[in-house]
PDB file of all heavy atoms in Angstrom:
ATOM      1  N   LYS A   1      94.250 -73.865 -51.258  1.00  0.00           N
ATOM      2  CA  LYS A   1      92.928 -73.459 -51.739  1.00  0.00           C
ATOM      3  C   LYS A   1      92.337 -74.469 -52.732  1.00  0.00           C
ATOM      4  O   LYS A   1      91.659 -74.087 -53.694  1.00  0.00           O
ATOM      5  CB  LYS A   1      92.980 -72.057 -52.350  1.00  0.00           C
ATOM      6  CG  LYS A   1      93.410 -70.984 -51.359  1.00  0.00           C
ATOM      7  CD  LYS A   1      93.445 -69.603 -51.981  1.00  0.00           C
ATOM      8  CE  LYS A   1      93.884 -68.563 -50.959  1.00  0.00           C
ATOM      9  NZ  LYS A   1      93.962 -67.204 -51.556  1.00  0.00           N
ATOM     10  N   ASN A   2      92.607 -75.746 -52.479  1.00  0.00           N
ATOM     11  CA  ASN A   2      92.018 -76.819 -53.266  1.00  0.00           C
ATOM     12  C   ASN A   2      91.047 -77.612 -52.401  1.00  0.00           C
ATOM     13  O   ASN A   2      91.301 -77.813 -51.207  1.00  0.00           O
ATOM     14  CB  ASN A   2      93.096 -77.770 -53.786  1.00  0.00           C
ATOM     15  CG  ASN A   2      93.904 -77.173 -54.922  1.00  0.00           C
ATOM     16  OD1 ASN A   2      93.448 -77.092 -56.053  1.00  0.00           O
ATOM     17  ND2 ASN A   2      95.122 -76.732 -54.615  1.00  0.00           N
ATOM     18  N   ASP A   3      89.944 -78.050 -52.989  1.00  0.00           N
ATOM     19  CA  ASP A   3      89.020 -78.942 -52.302  1.00  0.00           C
ATOM     20  C   ASP A   3      89.620 -80.341 -52.389  1.00  0.00           C
ATOM     21  O   ASP A   3      89.503 -81.009 -53.423  1.00  0.00           O
ATOM     22  CB  ASP A   3      87.635 -78.896 -52.972  1.00  0.00           C
ATOM     23  CG  ASP A   3      86.601 -79.748 -52.229  1.00  0.00           C
ATOM     24  OD1 ASP A   3      87.013 -80.715 -51.530  1.00  0.00           O
ATOM     25  OD2 ASP A   3      85.399 -79.478 -52.361  1.00  0.00           O
ATOM     26  N   TRP A   4      90.251 -80.782 -51.315  1.00  0.00           N
ATOM     27  CA  TRP A   4      91.021 -82.015 -51.370  1.00  0.00           C
ATOM     28  C   TRP A   4      90.122 -83.254 -51.496  1.00  0.00           C
ATOM     29  O   TRP A   4      90.516 -84.261 -52.071  1.00  0.00           O
ATOM     30  CB  TRP A   4      91.928 -82.121 -50.149  1.00  0.00           C
ATOM     31  CG  TRP A   4      93.144 -82.983 -50.393  1.00  0.00           C
ATOM     32  CD1 TRP A   4      93.482 -84.146 -49.765  1.00  0.00           C
ATOM     33  CD2 TRP A   4      94.179 -82.745 -51.354  1.00  0.00           C
ATOM     34  NE1 TRP A   4      94.655 -84.649 -50.270  1.00  0.00           N
ATOM     35  CE2 TRP A   4      95.108 -83.807 -51.251  1.00  0.00           C
ATOM     36  CE3 TRP A   4      94.406 -81.743 -52.301  1.00  0.00           C
ATOM     37  CZ2 TRP A   4      96.244 -83.897 -52.044  1.00  0.00           C
ATOM     38  CZ3 TRP A   4      95.537 -81.818 -53.101  1.00  0.00           C
ATOM     39  CH2 TRP A   4      96.440 -82.888 -52.966  1.00  0.00           C
ATOM     40  N   ARG A   5      88.929 -83.169 -50.980  1.00  0.00           N
ATOM     41  CA  ARG A   5      87.991 -84.285 -51.155  1.00  0.00           C
ATOM     42  C   ARG A   5      87.577 -84.417 -52.624  1.00  0.00           C
ATOM     43  O   ARG A   5      87.453 -85.531 -53.144  1.00  0.00           O
ATOM     44  CB  ARG A   5      86.758 -84.085 -50.271  1.00  0.00           C
ATOM     45  CG  ARG A   5      87.039 -84.243 -48.784  1.00  0.00           C
ATOM     46  CD  ARG A   5      85.826 -83.864 -47.951  1.00  0.00           C
ATOM     47  NE  ARG A   5      86.084 -84.075 -46.536  1.00  0.00           N
ATOM     48  CZ  ARG A   5      85.594 -85.077 -45.813  1.00  0.00           C
ATOM     49  NH1 ARG A   5      84.831 -85.990 -46.403  1.00  0.00           N
ATOM     50  NH2 ARG A   5      85.861 -85.192 -44.537  1.00  0.00           N
ATOM     51  N   GLN A   6      87.400 -83.285 -53.246  1.00  0.00           N
ATOM     52  CA  GLN A   6      87.057 -83.323 -54.662  1.00  0.00           C
ATOM     53  C   GLN A   6      88.231 -83.845 -55.480  1.00  0.00           C
ATOM     54  O   GLN A   6      88.039 -84.583 -56.460  1.00  0.00           O
ATOM     55  CB  GLN A   6      86.666 -81.927 -55.149  1.00  0.00           C
ATOM     56  CG  GLN A   6      86.162 -81.897 -56.579  1.00  0.00           C
ATOM     57  CD  GLN A   6      85.724 -80.513 -57.002  1.00  0.00           C
ATOM     58  OE1 GLN A   6      86.359 -79.504 -56.673  1.00  0.00           O
ATOM     59  NE2 GLN A   6      84.630 -80.435 -57.746  1.00  0.00           N
ATOM     60  N   VAL A   7      89.443 -83.493 -55.078  1.00  0.00           N
ATOM     61  CA  VAL A   7      90.636 -84.008 -55.749  1.00  0.00           C
ATOM     62  C   VAL A   7      90.651 -85.527 -55.678  1.00  0.00           C
ATOM     63  O   VAL A   7      90.947 -86.213 -56.656  1.00  0.00           O
ATOM     64  CB  VAL A   7      91.919 -83.417 -55.124  1.00  0.00           C
ATOM     65  CG1 VAL A   7      93.152 -84.152 -55.640  1.00  0.00           C
ATOM     66  CG2 VAL A   7      92.029 -81.927 -55.421  1.00  0.00           C
ATOM     67  N   ARG A   8      90.276 -86.080 -54.530  1.00  0.00           N
ATOM     68  CA  ARG A   8      90.251 -87.544 -54.379  1.00  0.00           C
ATOM     69  C   ARG A   8      89.248 -88.172 -55.345  1.00  0.00           C
ATOM     70  O   ARG A   8      89.528 -89.198 -55.984  1.00  0.00           O
ATOM     71  CB  ARG A   8      89.898 -87.910 -52.945  1.00  0.00           C
ATOM     72  CG  ARG A   8      89.902 -89.436 -52.688  1.00  0.00           C
ATOM     73  CD  ARG A   8      89.619 -89.722 -51.220  1.00  0.00           C
ATOM     74  NE  ARG A   8      89.890 -91.126 -50.911  1.00  0.00           N
ATOM     75  CZ  ARG A   8      88.969 -92.081 -50.840  1.00  0.00           C
ATOM     76  NH1 ARG A   8      87.693 -91.776 -51.084  1.00  0.00           N
ATOM     77  NH2 ARG A   8      89.297 -93.320 -50.536  1.00  0.00           N
ATOM     78  N   GLN A   9      88.089 -87.571 -55.423  1.00  0.00           N
ATOM     79  CA  GLN A   9      87.069 -88.116 -56.325  1.00  0.00           C
ATOM     80  C   GLN A   9      87.557 -88.103 -57.767  1.00  0.00           C
ATOM     81  O   GLN A   9      87.320 -89.044 -58.531  1.00  0.00           O
ATOM     82  CB  GLN A   9      85.779 -87.309 -56.186  1.00  0.00           C
ATOM     83  CG  GLN A   9      85.095 -87.502 -54.841  1.00  0.00           C
ATOM     84  CD  GLN A   9      83.893 -86.603 -54.655  1.00  0.00           C
ATOM     85  OE1 GLN A   9      83.638 -85.734 -55.491  1.00  0.00           O
ATOM     86  NE2 GLN A   9      83.151 -86.812 -53.583  1.00  0.00           N
ATOM     87  N   GLN A  10      88.269 -87.036 -58.125  1.00  0.00           N
ATOM     88  CA  GLN A  10      88.779 -86.924 -59.487  1.00  0.00           C
ATOM     89  C   GLN A  10      89.814 -88.004 -59.796  1.00  0.00           C
ATOM     90  O   GLN A  10      89.739 -88.676 -60.822  1.00  0.00           O
ATOM     91  CB  GLN A  10      89.379 -85.537 -59.715  1.00  0.00           C
ATOM     92  CG  GLN A  10      88.352 -84.408 -59.715  1.00  0.00           C
ATOM     93  CD  GLN A  10      89.003 -83.036 -59.719  1.00  0.00           C
ATOM     94  OE1 GLN A  10      90.219 -82.905 -59.543  1.00  0.00           O
ATOM     95  NE2 GLN A  10      88.195 -81.999 -59.920  1.00  0.00           N
ATOM     96  N   VAL A  11      90.806 -88.171 -58.889  1.00  0.00           N
ATOM     97  CA  VAL A  11      91.893 -89.109 -59.187  1.00  0.00           C
ATOM     98  C   VAL A  11      91.431 -90.559 -59.082  1.00  0.00           C
ATOM     99  O   VAL A  11      91.959 -91.437 -59.770  1.00  0.00           O
ATOM    100  CB  VAL A  11      93.121 -88.862 -58.276  1.00  0.00           C
ATOM    101  CG1 VAL A  11      93.738 -87.510 -58.574  1.00  0.00           C
ATOM    102  CG2 VAL A  11      92.763 -88.992 -56.792  1.00  0.00           C
ATOM    103  N   LEU A  12      90.428 -90.834 -58.223  1.00  0.00           N
ATOM    104  CA  LEU A  12      89.962 -92.214 -58.083  1.00  0.00           C
ATOM    105  C   LEU A  12      88.883 -92.574 -59.103  1.00  0.00           C
ATOM    106  O   LEU A  12      88.506 -93.742 -59.204  1.00  0.00           O
ATOM    107  CB  LEU A  12      89.439 -92.462 -56.668  1.00  0.00           C
ATOM    108  CG  LEU A  12      90.481 -92.384 -55.550  1.00  0.00           C
ATOM    109  CD1 LEU A  12      89.868 -92.829 -54.221  1.00  0.00           C
ATOM    110  CD2 LEU A  12      91.719 -93.218 -55.864  1.00  0.00           C
ATOM    111  N   SER A  13      88.414 -91.592 -59.846  1.00  0.00           N
ATOM    112  CA  SER A  13      87.435 -91.895 -60.898  1.00  0.00           C
ATOM    113  C   SER A  13      88.121 -92.436 -62.153  1.00  0.00           C
ATOM    114  O   SER A  13      87.458 -92.960 -63.050  1.00  0.00           O
ATOM    115  CB  SER A  13      86.639 -90.633 -61.252  1.00  0.00           C
ATOM    116  OG  SER A  13      87.479 -89.668 -61.875  1.00  0.00           O
ATOM    117  N   ARG A  14      89.444 -92.303 -62.206  1.00  0.00           N
ATOM    118  CA  ARG A  14      90.191 -92.780 -63.372  1.00  0.00           C
ATOM    119  C   ARG A  14      90.548 -94.260 -63.197  1.00  0.00           C
ATOM    120  O   ARG A  14      90.564 -94.790 -62.092  1.00  0.00           O
ATOM    121  CB  ARG A  14      91.488 -91.983 -63.553  1.00  0.00           C
ATOM    122  CG  ARG A  14      91.335 -90.488 -63.603  1.00  0.00           C
ATOM    123  CD  ARG A  14      92.714 -89.852 -63.746  1.00  0.00           C
ATOM    124  NE  ARG A  14      92.718 -88.458 -63.348  1.00  0.00           N
ATOM    125  CZ  ARG A  14      93.822 -87.725 -63.170  1.00  0.00           C
ATOM    126  NH1 ARG A  14      95.004 -88.297 -63.394  1.00  0.00           N
ATOM    127  NH2 ARG A  14      93.736 -86.469 -62.797  1.00  0.00           N
ATOM    128  N   GLU A  15      90.876 -94.880 -64.312  1.00  0.00           N
ATOM    129  CA  GLU A  15      91.399 -96.235 -64.286  1.00  0.00           C
ATOM    130  C   GLU A  15      92.901 -96.179 -64.580  1.00  0.00           C
ATOM    131  O   GLU A  15      93.335 -95.428 -65.459  1.00  0.00           O
ATOM    132  CB  GLU A  15      90.685 -97.114 -65.308  1.00  0.00           C
ATOM    133  CG  GLU A  15      89.220 -97.362 -64.985  1.00  0.00           C
ATOM    134  CD  GLU A  15      89.031 -98.021 -63.626  1.00  0.00           C
ATOM    135  OE1 GLU A  15      89.855 -98.893 -63.270  1.00  0.00           O
ATOM    136  OE2 GLU A  15      88.060 -97.669 -62.921  1.00  0.00           O
ATOM    137  N   TYR A  16      93.677 -96.955 -63.841  1.00  0.00           N
ATOM    138  CA  TYR A  16      95.130 -96.969 -64.001  1.00  0.00           C
ATOM    139  C   TYR A  16      95.569 -98.373 -64.404  1.00  0.00           C
ATOM    140  O   TYR A  16      95.361 -99.332 -63.656  1.00  0.00           O
ATOM    141  CB  TYR A  16      95.813 -96.548 -62.704  1.00  0.00           C
ATOM    142  CG  TYR A  16      95.390 -95.177 -62.216  1.00  0.00           C
ATOM    143  CD1 TYR A  16      94.437 -95.042 -61.201  1.00  0.00           C
ATOM    144  CD2 TYR A  16      95.912 -94.027 -62.794  1.00  0.00           C
ATOM    145  CE1 TYR A  16      94.028 -93.786 -60.771  1.00  0.00           C
ATOM    146  CE2 TYR A  16      95.516 -92.769 -62.373  1.00  0.00           C
ATOM    147  CZ  TYR A  16      94.569 -92.653 -61.359  1.00  0.00           C
ATOM    148  OH  TYR A  16      94.163 -91.409 -60.942  1.00  0.00           O
ATOM    149  N   SER A  17      96.178 -98.453 -65.562  1.00  0.00           N
ATOM    150  CA  SER A  17      96.609 -99.767 -66.062  1.00  0.00           C
ATOM    151  C   SER A  17      98.017-100.131 -65.615  1.00  0.00           C
ATOM    152  O   SER A  17      98.459-101.256 -65.808  1.00  0.00           O
ATOM    153  CB  SER A  17      96.544 -99.791 -67.592  1.00  0.00           C
ATOM    154  OG  SER A  17      97.404 -98.799 -68.146  1.00  0.00           O
ATOM    155  N   SER A  18      98.720 -99.178 -65.011  1.00  0.00           N
ATOM    156  CA  SER A  18     100.087 -99.441 -64.552  1.00  0.00           C
ATOM    157  C   SER A  18     100.432 -98.515 -63.404  1.00  0.00           C
ATOM    158  O   SER A  18      99.777 -97.487 -63.182  1.00  0.00           O
ATOM    159  CB  SER A  18     101.085 -99.229 -65.696  1.00  0.00           C
ATOM    160  OG  SER A  18     101.140 -97.844 -66.048  1.00  0.00           O
ATOM    161  N   LYS A  19     101.486 -98.880 -62.668  1.00  0.00           N
ATOM    162  CA  LYS A  19     101.949 -98.025 -61.578  1.00  0.00           C
ATOM    163  C   LYS A  19     102.481 -96.698 -62.115  1.00  0.00           C
ATOM    164  O   LYS A  19     102.377 -95.673 -61.448  1.00  0.00           O
ATOM    165  CB  LYS A  19     103.025 -98.744 -60.761  1.00  0.00           C
ATOM    166  CG  LYS A  19     102.467 -99.840 -59.872  1.00  0.00           C
ATOM    167  CD  LYS A  19     103.537-100.450 -58.995  1.00  0.00           C
ATOM    168  CE  LYS A  19     102.935-101.515 -58.068  1.00  0.00           C
ATOM    169  NZ  LYS A  19     103.967-102.148 -57.216  1.00  0.00           N
ATOM    170  N   GLU A  20     103.061 -96.723 -63.325  1.00  0.00           N
ATOM    171  CA  GLU A  20     103.590 -95.495 -63.899  1.00  0.00           C
ATOM    172  C   GLU A  20     102.473 -94.472 -64.091  1.00  0.00           C
ATOM    173  O   GLU A  20     102.669 -93.266 -63.862  1.00  0.00           O
ATOM    174  CB  GLU A  20     104.283 -95.787 -65.241  1.00  0.00           C
ATOM    175  CG  GLU A  20     105.648 -96.451 -65.128  1.00  0.00           C
ATOM    176  CD  GLU A  20     105.588 -97.855 -64.539  1.00  0.00           C
ATOM    177  OE1 GLU A  20     104.565 -98.558 -64.762  1.00  0.00           O
ATOM    178  OE2 GLU A  20     106.550 -98.248 -63.846  1.00  0.00           O
ATOM    179  N   GLU A  21     101.287 -94.945 -64.502  1.00  0.00           N
ATOM    180  CA  GLU A  21     100.150 -94.030 -64.632  1.00  0.00           C
ATOM    181  C   GLU A  21      99.726 -93.494 -63.270  1.00  0.00           C
ATOM    182  O   GLU A  21      99.353 -92.324 -63.140  1.00  0.00           O
ATOM    183  CB  GLU A  21      98.981 -94.744 -65.309  1.00  0.00           C
ATOM    184  CG  GLU A  21      99.210 -95.042 -66.781  1.00  0.00           C
ATOM    185  CD  GLU A  21      97.993 -95.674 -67.437  1.00  0.00           C
ATOM    186  OE1 GLU A  21      96.952 -95.826 -66.748  1.00  0.00           O
ATOM    187  OE2 GLU A  21      98.075 -96.004 -68.631  1.00  0.00           O
ATOM    188  N   ALA A  22      99.792 -94.349 -62.272  1.00  0.00           N
ATOM    189  CA  ALA A  22      99.461 -93.911 -60.910  1.00  0.00           C
ATOM    190  C   ALA A  22     100.473 -92.887 -60.420  1.00  0.00           C
ATOM    191  O   ALA A  22     100.108 -91.885 -59.790  1.00  0.00           O
ATOM    192  CB  ALA A  22      99.419 -95.110 -59.974  1.00  0.00           C
ATOM    193  N   TYR A  23     101.763 -93.132 -60.708  1.00  0.00           N
ATOM    194  CA  TYR A  23     102.808 -92.190 -60.295  1.00  0.00           C
ATOM    195  C   TYR A  23     102.558 -90.814 -60.916  1.00  0.00           C
ATOM    196  O   TYR A  23     102.699 -89.773 -60.254  1.00  0.00           O
ATOM    197  CB  TYR A  23     104.188 -92.690 -60.723  1.00  0.00           C
ATOM    198  CG  TYR A  23     104.654 -93.965 -60.061  1.00  0.00           C
ATOM    199  CD1 TYR A  23     105.751 -94.676 -60.580  1.00  0.00           C
ATOM    200  CD2 TYR A  23     104.037 -94.469 -58.918  1.00  0.00           C
ATOM    201  CE1 TYR A  23     106.202 -95.837 -59.975  1.00  0.00           C
ATOM    202  CE2 TYR A  23     104.474 -95.632 -58.315  1.00  0.00           C
ATOM    203  CZ  TYR A  23     105.559 -96.319 -58.855  1.00  0.00           C
ATOM    204  OH  TYR A  23     106.009 -97.480 -58.268  1.00  0.00           O
ATOM    205  N   LYS A  24     102.200 -90.807 -62.193  1.00  0.00           N
ATOM    206  CA  LYS A  24     101.924 -89.544 -62.882  1.00  0.00           C
ATOM    207  C   LYS A  24     100.760 -88.818 -62.221  1.00  0.00           C
ATOM    208  O   LYS A  24     100.802 -87.600 -61.994  1.00  0.00           O
ATOM    209  CB  LYS A  24     101.630 -89.805 -64.349  1.00  0.00           C
ATOM    210  CG  LYS A  24     101.386 -88.532 -65.156  1.00  0.00           C
ATOM    211  CD  LYS A  24     101.116 -88.852 -66.625  1.00  0.00           C
ATOM    212  CE  LYS A  24     100.843 -87.561 -67.414  1.00  0.00           C
ATOM    213  NZ  LYS A  24     100.543 -87.863 -68.836  1.00  0.00           N
TER     214      LYS A  24
END
């Protein structure tokens, strides 16, 4: 029951300075 497209927009709107941040 999650809007998966919206989830994508949320996670890709962030900036990740390391792979560890991406893993989290």
